[in-house]
Amino acid sequence: MQNLPRKVRSRKQNTRVDLTAMVSISFLLIIFFMVTIELAKPKMMDFGRGDRGCGPEPDCNKPDENRILTVLLDDNDKMITYMGLLYAPIQNPKEIHYGKNGIRKELIVINKKVHEYSAGMGRPEIGVTVIIKPSKKSNYGNLVDILDEMNITGINSYAIVNDYTPEETKLLASN
């Protein structure tokens, strides 16, 4: 009898999948989605709406017109400012120009007066609140210029509002 060759059987090895790369990618995806969800949340700035309540008096939540400066922006670099309310202004409406000797000088003077007024009320840290109202005819550059002036003068309490009262529309048309 002859020695028959034996069948050579291959040994089965345990198959093993390396999941290190998949774990790394899953952690990266989790971090990515957490960051994008956080960045997608809307961010809003509180503008002191007066709903916090300051006491039983009905007038305590009204804004102090002695601290409000309104800046109306129109076409052809036209800018009109007034202090207080238009029907009873503390400072009458006047046309003013952009630049160092125009709106910047005006903002510095008014902010100083408001700080002095607020100090008399016991709150010297409160400065002027500027309401910027660009018209539909004003250009984007004028808005950027007035925001730059807010930054330069250190006024950090301002709002951009796009609704004009009929009186303000007449004021812009008359000047």
C-alpha atoms as a PDB file:
ATOM      1  CA  MET A   1       0.000   0.000   0.000  1.00  0.00           C
ATOM      2  CA  GLN A   2       1.099   3.194  -0.922  1.00  0.00           C
ATOM      3  CA  ASN A   3       1.103   6.175   1.229  1.00  0.00           C
ATOM      4  CA  LEU A   4      -1.592   8.290  -0.132  1.00  0.00           C
ATOM      5  CA  PRO A   5      -1.034  11.906   0.210  1.00  0.00           C
ATOM      6  CA  ARG A   6      -3.173  13.393   2.858  1.00  0.00           C
ATOM      7  CA  LYS A   7      -5.449  16.211   2.037  1.00  0.00           C
ATOM      8  CA  VAL A   8      -4.089  19.419   3.313  1.00  0.00           C
ATOM      9  CA  ARG A   9      -6.736  21.350   5.044  1.00  0.00           C
ATOM     10  CA  SER A  10      -6.315  24.985   5.640  1.00  0.00           C
ATOM     11  CA  ARG A  11      -6.850  26.081   9.131  1.00  0.00           C
ATOM     12  CA  LYS A  12      -9.674  28.500   9.626  1.00  0.00           C
ATOM     13  CA  GLN A  13      -8.543  31.577  11.355  1.00  0.00           C
ATOM     14  CA  ASN A  14     -10.830  33.674  13.416  1.00  0.00           C
ATOM     15  CA  THR A  15     -11.852  36.670  11.376  1.00  0.00           C
ATOM     16  CA  ARG A  16     -11.521  39.933  13.215  1.00  0.00           C
ATOM     17  CA  VAL A  17     -12.763  43.354  12.108  1.00  0.00           C
ATOM     18  CA  ASP A  18     -10.881  46.376  13.360  1.00  0.00           C
ATOM     19  CA  LEU A  19     -13.496  48.948  14.420  1.00  0.00           C
ATOM     20  CA  THR A  20     -11.073  51.646  15.535  1.00  0.00           C
ATOM     21  CA  ALA A  21     -11.617  53.773  12.450  1.00  0.00           C
ATOM     22  CA  MET A  22     -15.405  53.488  12.677  1.00  0.00           C
ATOM     23  CA  VAL A  23     -15.399  54.582  16.317  1.00  0.00           C
ATOM     24  CA  SER A  24     -13.246  57.590  15.468  1.00  0.00           C
ATOM     25  CA  ILE A  25     -15.526  58.650  12.634  1.00  0.00           C
ATOM     26  CA  SER A  26     -18.651  58.230  14.757  1.00  0.00           C
ATOM     27  CA  PHE A  27     -17.194  60.475  17.470  1.00  0.00           C
ATOM     28  CA  LEU A  28     -16.256  63.086  14.866  1.00  0.00           C
ATOM     29  CA  LEU A  29     -19.796  63.021  13.479  1.00  0.00           C
ATOM     30  CA  ILE A  30     -21.319  63.371  16.927  1.00  0.00           C
ATOM     31  CA  ILE A  31     -19.113  66.374  17.683  1.00  0.00           C
ATOM     32  CA  PHE A  32     -19.872  67.902  14.277  1.00  0.00           C
ATOM     33  CA  PHE A  33     -23.631  67.632  14.748  1.00  0.00           C
ATOM     34  CA  MET A  34     -23.478  68.977  18.304  1.00  0.00           C
ATOM     35  CA  VAL A  35     -21.552  72.037  17.132  1.00  0.00           C
ATOM     36  CA  THR A  36     -23.824  72.697  14.137  1.00  0.00           C
ATOM     37  CA  ILE A  37     -26.956  72.418  16.278  1.00  0.00           C
ATOM     38  CA  GLU A  38     -25.508  74.904  18.772  1.00  0.00           C
ATOM     39  CA  LEU A  39     -24.570  77.348  16.010  1.00  0.00           C
ATOM     40  CA  ALA A  40     -27.998  77.037  14.392  1.00  0.00           C
ATOM     41  CA  LYS A  41     -29.799  78.302  17.502  1.00  0.00           C
ATOM     42  CA  PRO A  42     -31.058  81.869  17.030  1.00  0.00           C
ATOM     43  CA  LYS A  43     -29.218  84.507  19.009  1.00  0.00           C
ATOM     44  CA  MET A  44     -31.114  87.576  20.193  1.00  0.00           C
ATOM     45  CA  MET A  45     -30.153  90.621  22.155  1.00  0.00           C
ATOM     46  CA  ASP A  46     -32.374  91.858  24.953  1.00  0.00           C
ATOM     47  CA  PHE A  47     -33.381  95.455  24.318  1.00  0.00           C
ATOM     48  CA  GLY A  48     -34.895  96.253  27.707  1.00  0.00           C
ATOM     49  CA  ARG A  49     -38.513  95.920  26.694  1.00  0.00           C
ATOM     50  CA  GLY A  50     -39.778  96.909  30.115  1.00  0.00           C
ATOM     51  CA  ASP A  51     -41.691  93.703  30.840  1.00  0.00           C
ATOM     52  CA  ARG A  52     -39.628  93.017  33.922  1.00  0.00           C
ATOM     53  CA  GLY A  53     -41.733  95.271  36.082  1.00  0.00           C
ATOM     54  CA  CYS A  54     -40.310  97.980  38.238  1.00  0.00           C
ATOM     55  CA  GLY A  55     -43.152  98.697  40.595  1.00  0.00           C
ATOM     56  CA  PRO A  56     -46.847  99.423  40.927  1.00  0.00           C
ATOM     57  CA  GLU A  57     -46.659 102.733  39.029  1.00  0.00           C
ATOM     58  CA  PRO A  58     -47.909 102.420  35.429  1.00  0.00           C
ATOM     59  CA  ASP A  59     -45.263 104.829  34.095  1.00  0.00           C
ATOM     60  CA  CYS A  60     -42.239 103.065  35.566  1.00  0.00           C
ATOM     61  CA  ASN A  61     -41.676 100.838  32.504  1.00  0.00           C
ATOM     62  CA  LYS A  62     -41.830 103.632  29.936  1.00  0.00           C
ATOM     63  CA  PRO A  63     -38.600 104.617  28.228  1.00  0.00           C
ATOM     64  CA  ASP A  64     -37.024 107.853  29.374  1.00  0.00           C
ATOM     65  CA  GLU A  65     -37.255 110.238  26.407  1.00  0.00           C
ATOM     66  CA  ASN A  66     -34.412 112.277  27.924  1.00  0.00           C
ATOM     67  CA  ARG A  67     -32.086 109.410  26.988  1.00  0.00           C
ATOM     68  CA  ILE A  68     -33.343 108.632  23.460  1.00  0.00           C
ATOM     69  CA  LEU A  69     -31.697 110.006  20.330  1.00  0.00           C
ATOM     70  CA  THR A  70     -33.292 109.150  17.006  1.00  0.00           C
ATOM     71  CA  VAL A  71     -31.211 109.175  13.813  1.00  0.00           C
ATOM     72  CA  LEU A  72     -33.147 109.185  10.526  1.00  0.00           C
ATOM     73  CA  LEU A  73     -31.147 108.097   7.468  1.00  0.00           C
ATOM     74  CA  ASP A  74     -32.276 109.060   3.962  1.00  0.00           C
ATOM     75  CA  ASP A  75     -30.854 109.132   0.445  1.00  0.00           C
ATOM     76  CA  ASN A  76     -27.991 111.397  -0.680  1.00  0.00           C
ATOM     77  CA  ASP A  77     -26.199 111.007   2.691  1.00  0.00           C
ATOM     78  CA  LYS A  78     -28.981 112.914   4.429  1.00  0.00           C
ATOM     79  CA  MET A  79     -29.241 112.398   8.178  1.00  0.00           C
ATOM     80  CA  ILE A  80     -31.623 114.056  10.629  1.00  0.00           C
ATOM     81  CA  THR A  81     -31.381 113.681  14.402  1.00  0.00           C
ATOM     82  CA  TYR A  82     -33.690 114.635  17.234  1.00  0.00           C
ATOM     83  CA  MET A  83     -33.709 113.953  20.945  1.00  0.00           C
ATOM     84  CA  GLY A  84     -36.775 112.723  22.787  1.00  0.00           C
ATOM     85  CA  LEU A  85     -40.143 112.312  21.092  1.00  0.00           C
ATOM     86  CA  LEU A  86     -40.897 113.987  17.761  1.00  0.00           C
ATOM     87  CA  TYR A  87     -44.124 115.664  18.909  1.00  0.00           C
ATOM     88  CA  ALA A  88     -42.353 117.056  22.021  1.00  0.00           C
ATOM     89  CA  PRO A  89     -38.613 117.003  21.240  1.00  0.00           C
ATOM     90  CA  ILE A  90     -35.969 117.799  23.811  1.00  0.00           C
ATOM     91  CA  GLN A  91     -33.683 118.720  20.937  1.00  0.00           C
ATOM     92  CA  ASN A  92     -35.364 119.939  17.753  1.00  0.00           C
ATOM     93  CA  PRO A  93     -34.773 117.936  14.570  1.00  0.00           C
ATOM     94  CA  LYS A  94     -31.690 119.028  12.685  1.00  0.00           C
ATOM     95  CA  GLU A  95     -29.810 117.839   9.664  1.00  0.00           C
ATOM     96  CA  ILE A  96     -26.309 116.678  10.434  1.00  0.00           C
ATOM     97  CA  HIS A  97     -23.413 115.370   8.369  1.00  0.00           C
ATOM     98  CA  TYR A  98     -21.287 112.263   8.674  1.00  0.00           C
ATOM     99  CA  GLY A  99     -17.770 112.405  10.005  1.00  0.00           C
ATOM    100  CA  LYS A 100     -15.669 113.581  12.890  1.00  0.00           C
ATOM    101  CA  ASN A 101     -17.112 117.093  13.118  1.00  0.00           C
ATOM    102  CA  GLY A 102     -20.674 115.986  12.373  1.00  0.00           C
ATOM    103  CA  ILE A 103     -22.445 113.012  13.887  1.00  0.00           C
ATOM    104  CA  ARG A 104     -19.463 111.848  15.947  1.00  0.00           C
ATOM    105  CA  LYS A 105     -19.164 115.173  17.751  1.00  0.00           C
ATOM    106  CA  GLU A 106     -22.948 115.233  18.274  1.00  0.00           C
ATOM    107  CA  LEU A 107     -22.979 111.695  19.712  1.00  0.00           C
ATOM    108  CA  ILE A 108     -20.156 112.464  22.135  1.00  0.00           C
ATOM    109  CA  VAL A 109     -21.850 115.655  23.397  1.00  0.00           C
ATOM    110  CA  ILE A 110     -25.272 114.015  23.789  1.00  0.00           C
ATOM    111  CA  ASN A 111     -23.830 110.917  25.471  1.00  0.00           C
ATOM    112  CA  LYS A 112     -22.016 113.157  27.971  1.00  0.00           C
ATOM    113  CA  LYS A 113     -25.239 115.084  28.710  1.00  0.00           C
ATOM    114  CA  VAL A 114     -27.187 111.858  29.197  1.00  0.00           C
ATOM    115  CA  HIS A 115     -24.530 110.484  31.555  1.00  0.00           C
ATOM    116  CA  GLU A 116     -24.780 113.686  33.613  1.00  0.00           C
ATOM    117  CA  TYR A 117     -28.591 113.419  33.585  1.00  0.00           C
ATOM    118  CA  SER A 118     -28.419 109.764  34.649  1.00  0.00           C
ATOM    119  CA  ALA A 119     -25.945 110.607  37.415  1.00  0.00           C
ATOM    120  CA  GLY A 120     -28.512 113.063  38.809  1.00  0.00           C
ATOM    121  CA  MET A 121     -30.992 110.171  38.849  1.00  0.00           C
ATOM    122  CA  GLY A 122     -28.517 107.961  40.716  1.00  0.00           C
ATOM    123  CA  ARG A 123     -27.531 105.778  37.741  1.00  0.00           C
ATOM    124  CA  PRO A 124     -24.405 107.320  36.136  1.00  0.00           C
ATOM    125  CA  GLU A 125     -23.636 104.177  34.129  1.00  0.00           C
ATOM    126  CA  ILE A 126     -26.687 104.659  31.887  1.00  0.00           C
ATOM    127  CA  GLY A 127     -25.893 106.436  28.614  1.00  0.00           C
ATOM    128  CA  VAL A 128     -27.827 107.463  25.548  1.00  0.00           C
ATOM    129  CA  THR A 129     -29.967 105.008  23.586  1.00  0.00           C
ATOM    130  CA  VAL A 130     -29.764 105.652  19.849  1.00  0.00           C
ATOM    131  CA  ILE A 131     -32.572 104.552  17.550  1.00  0.00           C
ATOM    132  CA  ILE A 132     -31.303 104.303  13.975  1.00  0.00           C
ATOM    133  CA  LYS A 133     -34.013 104.438  11.321  1.00  0.00           C
ATOM    134  CA  PRO A 134     -32.760 103.893   7.773  1.00  0.00           C
ATOM    135  CA  SER A 135     -35.327 104.737   5.088  1.00  0.00           C
ATOM    136  CA  LYS A 136     -35.941 102.605   2.027  1.00  0.00           C
ATOM    137  CA  LYS A 137     -33.993 105.191   0.006  1.00  0.00           C
ATOM    138  CA  SER A 138     -30.885 105.181   2.215  1.00  0.00           C
ATOM    139  CA  ASN A 139     -27.962 103.049   1.177  1.00  0.00           C
ATOM    140  CA  TYR A 140     -26.193 100.307   3.062  1.00  0.00           C
ATOM    141  CA  GLY A 141     -22.995 102.356   3.351  1.00  0.00           C
ATOM    142  CA  ASN A 142     -24.778 105.004   5.419  1.00  0.00           C
ATOM    143  CA  LEU A 143     -25.977 102.362   7.861  1.00  0.00           C
ATOM    144  CA  VAL A 144     -22.467 100.941   8.157  1.00  0.00           C
ATOM    145  CA  ASP A 145     -21.099 104.472   8.713  1.00  0.00           C
ATOM    146  CA  ILE A 146     -23.516 105.186  11.577  1.00  0.00           C
ATOM    147  CA  LEU A 147     -22.761 101.786  13.157  1.00  0.00           C
ATOM    148  CA  ASP A 148     -19.053 102.627  12.944  1.00  0.00           C
ATOM    149  CA  GLU A 149     -19.769 105.905  14.743  1.00  0.00           C
ATOM    150  CA  MET A 150     -21.582 103.970  17.497  1.00  0.00           C
ATOM    151  CA  ASN A 151     -18.484 101.830  17.921  1.00  0.00           C
ATOM    152  CA  ILE A 152     -16.070 104.782  17.836  1.00  0.00           C
ATOM    153  CA  THR A 153     -18.028 106.834  20.392  1.00  0.00           C
ATOM    154  CA  GLY A 154     -18.496 103.835  22.693  1.00  0.00           C
ATOM    155  CA  ILE A 155     -22.299 103.881  22.590  1.00  0.00           C
ATOM    156  CA  ASN A 156     -23.408 100.301  23.012  1.00  0.00           C
ATOM    157  CA  SER A 157     -27.135 100.852  23.453  1.00  0.00           C
ATOM    158  CA  TYR A 158     -28.645 101.271  20.002  1.00  0.00           C
ATOM    159  CA  ALA A 159     -31.283  99.695  17.819  1.00  0.00           C
ATOM    160  CA  ILE A 160     -31.953  99.596  14.091  1.00  0.00           C
ATOM    161  CA  VAL A 161     -35.655 100.112  13.408  1.00  0.00           C
ATOM    162  CA  ASN A 162     -37.205 100.158   9.954  1.00  0.00           C
ATOM    163  CA  ASP A 163     -40.623 101.651  10.613  1.00  0.00           C
ATOM    164  CA  TYR A 164     -41.144 105.367  10.129  1.00  0.00           C
ATOM    165  CA  THR A 165     -44.005 107.286  11.677  1.00  0.00           C
ATOM    166  CA  PRO A 166     -45.952 109.588   9.329  1.00  0.00           C
ATOM    167  CA  GLU A 167     -44.453 112.581  11.140  1.00  0.00           C
ATOM    168  CA  GLU A 168     -40.933 111.318  10.495  1.00  0.00           C
ATOM    169  CA  THR A 169     -41.734 110.777   6.821  1.00  0.00           C
ATOM    170  CA  LYS A 170     -42.969 114.361   6.589  1.00  0.00           C
ATOM    171  CA  LEU A 171     -39.840 115.563   8.380  1.00  0.00           C
ATOM    172  CA  LEU A 172     -37.580 113.831   5.847  1.00  0.00           C
ATOM    173  CA  ALA A 173     -39.644 115.186   2.930  1.00  0.00           C
ATOM    174  CA  SER A 174     -39.553 118.759   4.262  1.00  0.00           C
ATOM    175  CA  ASN A 175     -35.778 118.959   4.707  1.00  0.00           C
END
